Amino acid sequence: MNVQSSRALIALGVTSLLALLLAGPASTSADAAAAQGTIHGTAVDTHGKRLDRIRVRIFLVQKDGGWAYLRTSSANADGDYRTSDLAAGSYVLQFVDVRPSYDKTKHLTKDVKVSLAPGATVKQNVHLKVGASLWGRTFRNGRTAPLTTIKAVRDGDTTGTVYTSRADRGGGYLLGGLPLGTYTVFSYDHAGAYTAAPRRVTLKRLAVSTKLTVRMSTRAGRYTGLVLAGGISLKDSPYVTAVNRTTGQFWVVKASKGSLTSLRGLSPGRYTLKVPGADRYLGRT
């Protein structure tokens, strides 16, 4: 073989290797795109009617069973939703009715687990039920109390969910979308000056409203303080939670600039304050 032929073969080999190297990433990228899956479906009520105003939160199920939030999608006016570009794995789709809390037709939140294979398209329809509701009127020292805040916490709840509504200017309120169970109901007036003793109520039937009159006659307390880290005000504005040690009633408030925290409408009693970590400092209770 002469020198010229050898150079030609070497050049051909280099060119072929370069072509393979260039083709490799494109092929890998195409394979990765093909491995992405899609979940879609329709949200309907128990009668099969398509539902609008449904938000879909997507969580990836971790190896330890925990949920990692990925994104939020919304169903269109016909109740159809779609979320794409999902890797293979197990997901939880959380369907949330975003109707206001004073709507008695508000549906219960529902979690649905979906397994997705590489590149698969899975159809997952969901049926949502109308929740139970509370309704009534609010009074302060015997007189109508407009714009009173109503909060309900279900026994056994471990997610920190608080169902909240506000009375209208005539003192009437409605709190919908409630799962069945026993609740503790708290309240305080618009000025945060009066509160009522916690009320217990059990909801036994979905799509049924239970009357609960709220009568406030106890002067509410107020707490004001600073959240400090290393003796100085925080740059962040953390959320501070105050929990009544006796009743379990709790409030969550975001600290204002300078880490000033102010809570009003507190029922009498001893409280535990919980502050999450901020500015690289650990949280504290």
C-alpha atoms as a PDB file:
ATOM      1  CA  MET A   1       0.000   0.000   0.000  1.00  0.00           C
ATOM      2  CA  ASN A   2       1.476   3.351  -0.908  1.00  0.00           C
ATOM      3  CA  VAL A   3       1.597   6.388   1.369  1.00  0.00           C
ATOM      4  CA  GLN A   4      -1.153   8.164  -0.543  1.00  0.00           C
ATOM      5  CA  SER A   5      -3.563   5.208  -0.136  1.00  0.00           C
ATOM      6  CA  SER A   6      -2.784   4.999   3.604  1.00  0.00           C
ATOM      7  CA  ARG A   7      -3.564   8.675   4.054  1.00  0.00           C
ATOM      8  CA  ALA A   8      -6.873   8.206   2.228  1.00  0.00           C
ATOM      9  CA  LEU A   9      -7.863   5.298   4.516  1.00  0.00           C
ATOM     10  CA  ILE A  10      -6.921   7.238   7.630  1.00  0.00           C
ATOM     11  CA  ALA A  11      -8.929  10.233   6.444  1.00  0.00           C
ATOM     12  CA  LEU A  12     -11.917   7.969   5.751  1.00  0.00           C
ATOM     13  CA  GLY A  13     -11.645   6.437   9.215  1.00  0.00           C
ATOM     14  CA  VAL A  14     -11.472   9.797  10.925  1.00  0.00           C
ATOM     15  CA  THR A  15     -14.443  11.045   8.905  1.00  0.00           C
ATOM     16  CA  SER A  16     -16.491   7.954   9.798  1.00  0.00           C
ATOM     17  CA  LEU A  17     -15.635   8.279  13.507  1.00  0.00           C
ATOM     18  CA  LEU A  18     -16.579  11.960  13.458  1.00  0.00           C
ATOM     19  CA  ALA A  19     -19.903  11.110  11.816  1.00  0.00           C
ATOM     20  CA  LEU A  20     -20.636   8.537  14.527  1.00  0.00           C
ATOM     21  CA  LEU A  21     -19.781  10.986  17.283  1.00  0.00           C
ATOM     22  CA  LEU A  22     -22.034  13.623  15.783  1.00  0.00           C
ATOM     23  CA  ALA A  23     -24.873  11.171  15.265  1.00  0.00           C
ATOM     24  CA  GLY A  24     -24.696   9.791  18.820  1.00  0.00           C
ATOM     25  CA  PRO A  25     -26.158  12.734  20.805  1.00  0.00           C
ATOM     26  CA  ALA A  26     -28.918  13.327  18.230  1.00  0.00           C
ATOM     27  CA  SER A  27     -30.011   9.711  18.559  1.00  0.00           C
ATOM     28  CA  THR A  28     -29.867   9.882  22.365  1.00  0.00           C
ATOM     29  CA  SER A  29     -31.888  13.102  22.359  1.00  0.00           C
ATOM     30  CA  ALA A  30     -34.499  11.547  20.083  1.00  0.00           C
ATOM     31  CA  ASP A  31     -34.721   8.467  22.316  1.00  0.00           C
ATOM     32  CA  ALA A  32     -35.173  10.645  25.406  1.00  0.00           C
ATOM     33  CA  ALA A  33     -37.954  12.615  23.718  1.00  0.00           C
ATOM     34  CA  ALA A  34     -39.679   9.407  22.674  1.00  0.00           C
ATOM     35  CA  ALA A  35     -39.498   8.154  26.287  1.00  0.00           C
ATOM     36  CA  GLN A  36     -41.570  11.097  27.562  1.00  0.00           C
ATOM     37  CA  GLY A  37     -45.183  10.225  28.347  1.00  0.00           C
ATOM     38  CA  THR A  38     -48.553  11.967  28.582  1.00  0.00           C
ATOM     39  CA  ILE A  39     -51.487  11.768  30.972  1.00  0.00           C
ATOM     40  CA  HIS A  40     -54.838  13.182  29.902  1.00  0.00           C
ATOM     41  CA  GLY A  41     -58.519  12.793  30.670  1.00  0.00           C
ATOM     42  CA  THR A  42     -61.761  14.472  31.660  1.00  0.00           C
ATOM     43  CA  ALA A  43     -63.156  15.634  35.012  1.00  0.00           C
ATOM     44  CA  VAL A  44     -66.872  14.943  35.473  1.00  0.00           C
ATOM     45  CA  ASP A  45     -69.344  14.959  38.347  1.00  0.00           C
ATOM     46  CA  THR A  46     -71.213  11.913  39.652  1.00  0.00           C
ATOM     47  CA  HIS A  47     -73.846  12.371  36.922  1.00  0.00           C
ATOM     48  CA  GLY A  48     -71.261  12.455  34.127  1.00  0.00           C
ATOM     49  CA  LYS A  49     -71.472  16.218  33.584  1.00  0.00           C
ATOM     50  CA  ARG A  50     -68.168  17.748  32.501  1.00  0.00           C
ATOM     51  CA  LEU A  51     -66.659  20.128  35.042  1.00  0.00           C
ATOM     52  CA  ASP A  52     -64.860  23.396  34.438  1.00  0.00           C
ATOM     53  CA  ARG A  53     -62.760  25.268  37.015  1.00  0.00           C
ATOM     54  CA  ILE A  54     -60.763  22.168  37.937  1.00  0.00           C
ATOM     55  CA  ARG A  55     -57.068  22.486  38.690  1.00  0.00           C
ATOM     56  CA  VAL A  56     -54.773  19.455  38.377  1.00  0.00           C
ATOM     57  CA  ARG A  57     -51.638  19.319  40.524  1.00  0.00           C
ATOM     58  CA  ILE A  58     -49.058  16.738  39.424  1.00  0.00           C
ATOM     59  CA  PHE A  59     -46.759  15.035  41.929  1.00  0.00           C
ATOM     60  CA  LEU A  60     -44.017  12.463  41.310  1.00  0.00           C
ATOM     61  CA  VAL A  61     -44.080   9.591  43.812  1.00  0.00           C
ATOM     62  CA  GLN A  62     -40.637   9.194  45.404  1.00  0.00           C
ATOM     63  CA  LYS A  63     -38.943   5.923  46.376  1.00  0.00           C
ATOM     64  CA  ASP A  64     -39.764   6.584  50.034  1.00  0.00           C
ATOM     65  CA  GLY A  65     -43.450   7.089  49.163  1.00  0.00           C
ATOM     66  CA  GLY A  66     -43.342  10.858  49.449  1.00  0.00           C
ATOM     67  CA  TRP A  67     -44.704  13.222  46.793  1.00  0.00           C
ATOM     68  CA  ALA A  68     -42.556  15.723  44.911  1.00  0.00           C
ATOM     69  CA  TYR A  69     -44.538  18.553  43.321  1.00  0.00           C
ATOM     70  CA  LEU A  70     -43.907  18.974  39.591  1.00  0.00           C
ATOM     71  CA  ARG A  71     -46.431  21.343  38.074  1.00  0.00           C
ATOM     72  CA  THR A  72     -50.054  22.454  37.876  1.00  0.00           C
ATOM     73  CA  SER A  73     -52.391  22.123  34.919  1.00  0.00           C
ATOM     74  CA  SER A  74     -55.983  23.235  34.448  1.00  0.00           C
ATOM     75  CA  ALA A  75     -58.962  21.572  32.837  1.00  0.00           C
ATOM     76  CA  ASN A  76     -60.616  23.556  30.045  1.00  0.00           C
ATOM     77  CA  ALA A  77     -64.266  24.569  29.908  1.00  0.00           C
ATOM     78  CA  ASP A  78     -65.167  21.021  28.809  1.00  0.00           C
ATOM     79  CA  GLY A  79     -63.350  19.426  31.738  1.00  0.00           C
ATOM     80  CA  ASP A  80     -60.481  18.109  29.598  1.00  0.00           C
ATOM     81  CA  TYR A  81     -56.906  18.245  30.880  1.00  0.00           C
ATOM     82  CA  ARG A  82     -53.534  17.124  29.515  1.00  0.00           C
ATOM     83  CA  THR A  83     -50.008  17.071  30.903  1.00  0.00           C
ATOM     84  CA  SER A  84     -47.058  15.940  28.763  1.00  0.00           C
ATOM     85  CA  ASP A  85     -43.271  15.517  28.846  1.00  0.00           C
ATOM     86  CA  LEU A  86     -43.425  13.139  31.814  1.00  0.00           C
ATOM     87  CA  ALA A  87     -40.725  10.567  32.494  1.00  0.00           C
ATOM     88  CA  ALA A  88     -41.710   6.980  33.295  1.00  0.00           C
ATOM     89  CA  GLY A  89     -42.771   6.528  36.920  1.00  0.00           C
ATOM     90  CA  SER A  90     -45.631   6.763  39.381  1.00  0.00           C
ATOM     91  CA  TYR A  91     -47.570   9.983  39.709  1.00  0.00           C
ATOM     92  CA  VAL A  92     -50.339  11.398  41.868  1.00  0.00           C
ATOM     93  CA  LEU A  93     -52.805  13.712  40.171  1.00  0.00           C
ATOM     94  CA  GLN A  94     -54.647  15.933  42.630  1.00  0.00           C
ATOM     95  CA  PHE A  95     -57.897  17.333  41.262  1.00  0.00           C
ATOM     96  CA  VAL A  96     -58.967  20.547  43.000  1.00  0.00           C
ATOM     97  CA  ASP A  97     -62.204  22.441  42.449  1.00  0.00           C
ATOM     98  CA  VAL A  98     -61.286  26.138  42.451  1.00  0.00           C
ATOM     99  CA  ARG A  99     -64.835  27.379  42.976  1.00  0.00           C
ATOM    100  CA  PRO A 100     -65.008  29.767  45.959  1.00  0.00           C
ATOM    101  CA  SER A 101     -65.524  28.289  49.415  1.00  0.00           C
ATOM    102  CA  TYR A 102     -68.984  29.887  49.664  1.00  0.00           C
ATOM    103  CA  ASP A 103     -70.250  27.796  46.726  1.00  0.00           C
ATOM    104  CA  LYS A 104     -72.286  24.859  48.052  1.00  0.00           C
ATOM    105  CA  THR A 105     -71.659  22.963  44.801  1.00  0.00           C
ATOM    106  CA  LYS A 106     -67.889  22.955  45.393  1.00  0.00           C
ATOM    107  CA  HIS A 107     -66.462  19.465  44.817  1.00  0.00           C
ATOM    108  CA  LEU A 108     -64.156  17.468  47.028  1.00  0.00           C
ATOM    109  CA  THR A 109     -60.446  17.347  46.234  1.00  0.00           C
ATOM    110  CA  LYS A 110     -59.463  13.926  44.905  1.00  0.00           C
ATOM    111  CA  ASP A 111     -56.054  12.240  44.570  1.00  0.00           C
ATOM    112  CA  VAL A 112     -55.551   9.667  41.800  1.00  0.00           C
ATOM    113  CA  LYS A 113     -52.409   7.527  41.381  1.00  0.00           C
ATOM    114  CA  VAL A 114     -51.226   6.851  37.815  1.00  0.00           C
ATOM    115  CA  SER A 115     -48.373   4.628  36.605  1.00  0.00           C
ATOM    116  CA  LEU A 116     -46.678   5.750  33.399  1.00  0.00           C
ATOM    117  CA  ALA A 117     -44.469   3.556  31.182  1.00  0.00           C
ATOM    118  CA  PRO A 118     -41.755   5.099  28.942  1.00  0.00           C
ATOM    119  CA  GLY A 119     -43.342   7.003  26.064  1.00  0.00           C
ATOM    120  CA  ALA A 120     -46.860   5.916  27.060  1.00  0.00           C
ATOM    121  CA  THR A 121     -50.067   7.932  26.832  1.00  0.00           C
ATOM    122  CA  VAL A 122     -52.489   7.192  29.670  1.00  0.00           C
ATOM    123  CA  LYS A 123     -56.107   8.318  29.813  1.00  0.00           C
ATOM    124  CA  GLN A 124     -57.287   8.982  33.373  1.00  0.00           C
ATOM    125  CA  ASN A 125     -60.799  10.298  33.825  1.00  0.00           C
ATOM    126  CA  VAL A 126     -61.966  11.350  37.275  1.00  0.00           C
ATOM    127  CA  HIS A 127     -65.375  11.584  38.961  1.00  0.00           C
ATOM    128  CA  LEU A 128     -65.688  14.315  41.599  1.00  0.00           C
ATOM    129  CA  LYS A 129     -68.319  14.453  44.342  1.00  0.00           C
ATOM    130  CA  VAL A 130     -69.920  17.584  45.785  1.00  0.00           C
ATOM    131  CA  GLY A 131     -68.760  18.074  49.361  1.00  0.00           C
ATOM    132  CA  ALA A 132     -70.796  18.730  52.467  1.00  0.00           C
ATOM    133  CA  SER A 133     -71.219  22.309  53.644  1.00  0.00           C
ATOM    134  CA  LEU A 134     -71.888  24.497  56.663  1.00  0.00           C
ATOM    135  CA  TRP A 135     -74.108  27.543  56.614  1.00  0.00           C
ATOM    136  CA  GLY A 136     -75.653  29.983  59.058  1.00  0.00           C
ATOM    137  CA  ARG A 137     -75.474  33.491  60.443  1.00  0.00           C
ATOM    138  CA  THR A 138     -72.881  35.230  62.577  1.00  0.00           C
ATOM    139  CA  PHE A 139     -73.565  37.438  65.600  1.00  0.00           C
ATOM    140  CA  ARG A 140     -71.447  39.560  67.917  1.00  0.00           C
ATOM    141  CA  ASN A 141     -73.025  40.328  71.291  1.00  0.00           C
ATOM    142  CA  GLY A 142     -76.451  39.577  69.822  1.00  0.00           C
ATOM    143  CA  ARG A 143     -76.078  41.772  66.758  1.00  0.00           C
ATOM    144  CA  THR A 144     -75.333  40.743  63.180  1.00  0.00           C
ATOM    145  CA  ALA A 145     -71.587  40.471  62.568  1.00  0.00           C
ATOM    146  CA  PRO A 146     -70.763  41.070  58.890  1.00  0.00           C
ATOM    147  CA  LEU A 147     -67.536  39.780  57.326  1.00  0.00           C
ATOM    148  CA  THR A 148     -66.846  37.341  60.146  1.00  0.00           C
ATOM    149  CA  THR A 149     -64.139  34.767  59.368  1.00  0.00           C
ATOM    150  CA  ILE A 150     -65.115  31.098  59.741  1.00  0.00           C
ATOM    151  CA  LYS A 151     -62.462  28.362  59.926  1.00  0.00           C
ATOM    152  CA  ALA A 152     -63.044  24.605  60.132  1.00  0.00           C
ATOM    153  CA  VAL A 153     -60.457  21.912  60.923  1.00  0.00           C
ATOM    154  CA  ARG A 154     -61.327  18.222  60.503  1.00  0.00           C
ATOM    155  CA  ASP A 155     -60.435  15.727  63.216  1.00  0.00           C
ATOM    156  CA  GLY A 156     -57.508  13.503  62.281  1.00  0.00           C
ATOM    157  CA  ASP A 157     -56.263  15.764  59.500  1.00  0.00           C
ATOM    158  CA  THR A 158     -52.472  15.547  59.190  1.00  0.00           C
ATOM    159  CA  THR A 159     -52.018  17.886  56.207  1.00  0.00           C
ATOM    160  CA  GLY A 160     -52.685  21.172  57.992  1.00  0.00           C
ATOM    161  CA  THR A 161     -55.742  21.864  55.829  1.00  0.00           C
ATOM    162  CA  VAL A 162     -57.969  24.665  57.109  1.00  0.00           C
ATOM    163  CA  TYR A 163     -61.289  25.308  55.372  1.00  0.00           C
ATOM    164  CA  THR A 164     -62.048  29.029  55.462  1.00  0.00           C
ATOM    165  CA  SER A 165     -64.919  31.281  54.475  1.00  0.00           C
ATOM    166  CA  ARG A 166     -66.158  34.759  55.289  1.00  0.00           C
ATOM    167  CA  ALA A 167     -69.641  35.987  56.080  1.00  0.00           C
ATOM    168  CA  ASP A 168     -71.275  38.494  53.763  1.00  0.00           C
ATOM    169  CA  ARG A 169     -72.326  41.968  54.826  1.00  0.00           C
ATOM    170  CA  GLY A 170     -75.585  40.557  56.133  1.00  0.00           C
ATOM    171  CA  GLY A 171     -73.768  38.154  58.442  1.00  0.00           C
ATOM    172  CA  GLY A 172     -74.642  35.050  56.417  1.00  0.00           C
ATOM    173  CA  TYR A 173     -71.949  32.539  55.533  1.00  0.00           C
ATOM    174  CA  LEU A 174     -71.519  29.261  53.673  1.00  0.00           C
ATOM    175  CA  LEU A 175     -68.502  26.957  53.744  1.00  0.00           C
ATOM    176  CA  GLY A 176     -68.595  24.285  51.026  1.00  0.00           C
ATOM    177  CA  GLY A 177     -66.446  21.502  49.616  1.00  0.00           C
ATOM    178  CA  LEU A 178     -66.040  19.731  52.983  1.00  0.00           C
ATOM    179  CA  PRO A 179     -65.193  16.020  53.326  1.00  0.00           C
ATOM    180  CA  LEU A 180     -67.295  14.001  55.748  1.00  0.00           C
ATOM    181  CA  GLY A 181     -66.130  13.937  59.354  1.00  0.00           C
ATOM    182  CA  THR A 182     -66.151  15.833  62.621  1.00  0.00           C
ATOM    183  CA  TYR A 183     -64.925  19.414  62.611  1.00  0.00           C
ATOM    184  CA  THR A 184     -63.904  22.054  65.102  1.00  0.00           C
ATOM    185  CA  VAL A 185     -65.203  25.424  63.926  1.00  0.00           C
ATOM    186  CA  PHE A 186     -63.508  28.678  64.940  1.00  0.00           C
ATOM    187  CA  SER A 187     -64.516  32.254  64.233  1.00  0.00           C
ATOM    188  CA  TYR A 188     -63.579  35.876  64.795  1.00  0.00           C
ATOM    189  CA  ASP A 189     -65.183  39.123  63.713  1.00  0.00           C
ATOM    190  CA  HIS A 190     -63.972  41.465  60.990  1.00  0.00           C
ATOM    191  CA  ALA A 191     -62.035  43.665  63.447  1.00  0.00           C
ATOM    192  CA  GLY A 192     -60.462  40.683  65.182  1.00  0.00           C
ATOM    193  CA  ALA A 193     -61.927  42.019  68.424  1.00  0.00           C
ATOM    194  CA  TYR A 194     -64.357  39.189  69.290  1.00  0.00           C
ATOM    195  CA  THR A 195     -64.288  35.429  69.006  1.00  0.00           C
ATOM    196  CA  ALA A 196     -66.576  32.525  69.871  1.00  0.00           C
ATOM    197  CA  ALA A 197     -65.897  29.322  71.739  1.00  0.00           C
ATOM    198  CA  PRO A 198     -64.903  26.523  69.337  1.00  0.00           C
ATOM    199  CA  ARG A 199     -67.916  24.541  68.069  1.00  0.00           C
ATOM    200  CA  ARG A 200     -67.964  20.849  67.206  1.00  0.00           C
ATOM    201  CA  VAL A 201     -70.040  19.580  64.296  1.00  0.00           C
ATOM    202  CA  THR A 202     -70.201  16.256  62.441  1.00  0.00           C
ATOM    203  CA  LEU A 203     -70.989  16.131  58.734  1.00  0.00           C
ATOM    204  CA  LYS A 204     -72.476  12.775  57.710  1.00  0.00           C
ATOM    205  CA  ARG A 205     -73.828  13.313  54.187  1.00  0.00           C
ATOM    206  CA  LEU A 206     -72.258  14.762  51.063  1.00  0.00           C
ATOM    207  CA  ALA A 207     -74.029  17.514  49.114  1.00  0.00           C
ATOM    208  CA  VAL A 208     -75.996  18.406  52.278  1.00  0.00           C
ATOM    209  CA  SER A 209     -75.742  21.720  54.167  1.00  0.00           C
ATOM    210  CA  THR A 210     -75.707  21.734  57.957  1.00  0.00           C
ATOM    211  CA  LYS A 211     -76.767  24.856  59.826  1.00  0.00           C
ATOM    212  CA  LEU A 212     -74.416  26.273  62.452  1.00  0.00           C
ATOM    213  CA  THR A 213     -75.074  29.654  64.054  1.00  0.00           C
ATOM    214  CA  VAL A 214     -72.024  31.529  65.287  1.00  0.00           C
ATOM    215  CA  ARG A 215     -72.376  33.748  68.375  1.00  0.00           C
ATOM    216  CA  MET A 216     -69.316  35.727  69.422  1.00  0.00           C
ATOM    217  CA  SER A 217     -69.154  37.318  72.859  1.00  0.00           C
ATOM    218  CA  THR A 218     -65.566  36.750  74.021  1.00  0.00           C
ATOM    219  CA  ARG A 219     -62.991  39.480  73.662  1.00  0.00           C
ATOM    220  CA  ALA A 220     -60.281  38.221  71.344  1.00  0.00           C
ATOM    221  CA  GLY A 221     -56.589  38.512  72.104  1.00  0.00           C
ATOM    222  CA  ARG A 222     -53.752  39.781  69.959  1.00  0.00           C
ATOM    223  CA  TYR A 223     -50.096  38.884  69.689  1.00  0.00           C
ATOM    224  CA  THR A 224     -47.355  41.079  68.273  1.00  0.00           C
ATOM    225  CA  GLY A 225     -43.665  40.201  68.216  1.00  0.00           C
ATOM    226  CA  LEU A 226     -40.463  40.011  66.197  1.00  0.00           C
ATOM    227  CA  VAL A 227     -38.861  37.014  64.525  1.00  0.00           C
ATOM    228  CA  LEU A 228     -35.085  37.347  64.883  1.00  0.00           C
ATOM    229  CA  ALA A 229     -32.111  35.326  63.659  1.00  0.00           C
ATOM    230  CA  GLY A 230     -28.842  35.843  65.461  1.00  0.00           C
ATOM    231  CA  GLY A 231     -30.346  38.849  67.210  1.00  0.00           C
ATOM    232  CA  ILE A 232     -31.192  40.701  64.006  1.00  0.00           C
ATOM    233  CA  SER A 233     -34.268  40.940  61.795  1.00  0.00           C
ATOM    234  CA  LEU A 234     -34.641  38.381  59.025  1.00  0.00           C
ATOM    235  CA  LYS A 235     -34.235  39.256  55.377  1.00  0.00           C
ATOM    236  CA  ASP A 236     -36.931  36.710  54.555  1.00  0.00           C
ATOM    237  CA  SER A 237     -40.566  36.986  55.618  1.00  0.00           C
ATOM    238  CA  PRO A 238     -41.400  33.546  57.076  1.00  0.00           C
ATOM    239  CA  TYR A 239     -44.869  32.259  57.886  1.00  0.00           C
ATOM    240  CA  VAL A 240     -45.543  32.025  61.625  1.00  0.00           C
ATOM    241  CA  THR A 241     -48.112  29.548  62.978  1.00  0.00           C
ATOM    242  CA  ALA A 242     -49.759  30.016  66.390  1.00  0.00           C
ATOM    243  CA  VAL A 243     -51.518  26.951  67.841  1.00  0.00           C
ATOM    244  CA  ASN A 244     -53.842  27.095  70.844  1.00  0.00           C
ATOM    245  CA  ARG A 245     -52.601  24.335  73.165  1.00  0.00           C
ATOM    246  CA  THR A 246     -56.098  23.574  74.458  1.00  0.00           C
ATOM    247  CA  THR A 247     -58.418  23.835  71.454  1.00  0.00           C
ATOM    248  CA  GLY A 248     -55.982  23.242  68.573  1.00  0.00           C
ATOM    249  CA  GLN A 249     -57.201  26.448  66.939  1.00  0.00           C
ATOM    250  CA  PHE A 250     -54.404  27.899  64.848  1.00  0.00           C
ATOM    251  CA  TRP A 251     -53.535  30.927  62.777  1.00  0.00           C
ATOM    252  CA  VAL A 252     -50.930  31.330  60.057  1.00  0.00           C
ATOM    253  CA  VAL A 253     -49.535  34.770  59.266  1.00  0.00           C
ATOM    254  CA  LYS A 254     -46.632  35.968  57.134  1.00  0.00           C
ATOM    255  CA  ALA A 255     -44.149  38.148  58.999  1.00  0.00           C
ATOM    256  CA  SER A 256     -43.975  41.632  57.530  1.00  0.00           C
ATOM    257  CA  LYS A 257     -40.854  43.577  56.590  1.00  0.00           C
ATOM    258  CA  GLY A 258     -38.472  43.629  59.523  1.00  0.00           C
ATOM    259  CA  SER A 259     -39.919  40.264  60.690  1.00  0.00           C
ATOM    260  CA  LEU A 260     -42.761  41.885  62.635  1.00  0.00           C
ATOM    261  CA  THR A 261     -45.482  39.336  63.350  1.00  0.00           C
ATOM    262  CA  SER A 262     -49.016  40.311  64.351  1.00  0.00           C
ATOM    263  CA  LEU A 263     -51.905  37.935  65.039  1.00  0.00           C
ATOM    264  CA  ARG A 264     -55.409  39.028  65.936  1.00  0.00           C
ATOM    265  CA  GLY A 265     -58.708  37.341  66.690  1.00  0.00           C
ATOM    266  CA  LEU A 266     -57.066  34.892  69.107  1.00  0.00           C
ATOM    267  CA  SER A 267     -59.243  32.994  71.552  1.00  0.00           C
ATOM    268  CA  PRO A 268     -57.999  33.072  75.170  1.00  0.00           C
ATOM    269  CA  GLY A 269     -55.422  30.467  76.150  1.00  0.00           C
ATOM    270  CA  ARG A 270     -51.798  29.398  75.867  1.00  0.00           C
ATOM    271  CA  TYR A 271     -50.187  29.162  72.426  1.00  0.00           C
ATOM    272  CA  THR A 272     -47.283  27.472  70.715  1.00  0.00           C
ATOM    273  CA  LEU A 273     -45.547  29.507  68.009  1.00  0.00           C
ATOM    274  CA  LYS A 274     -43.901  27.677  65.112  1.00  0.00           C
ATOM    275  CA  VAL A 275     -41.422  29.371  62.788  1.00  0.00           C
ATOM    276  CA  PRO A 276     -39.792  27.548  59.841  1.00  0.00           C
ATOM    277  CA  GLY A 277     -36.139  27.929  58.939  1.00  0.00           C
ATOM    278  CA  ALA A 278     -35.086  31.139  57.175  1.00  0.00           C
ATOM    279  CA  ASP A 279     -31.891  33.007  56.234  1.00  0.00           C
ATOM    280  CA  ARG A 280     -29.925  29.758  56.731  1.00  0.00           C
ATOM    281  CA  TYR A 281     -31.167  29.499  60.318  1.00  0.00           C
ATOM    282  CA  LEU A 282     -33.066  26.470  61.624  1.00  0.00           C
ATOM    283  CA  GLY A 283     -36.733  26.839  62.477  1.00  0.00           C
ATOM    284  CA  ARG A 284     -37.954  26.949  66.056  1.00  0.00           C
ATOM    285  CA  THR A 285     -41.043  26.149  68.115  1.00  0.00           C
END
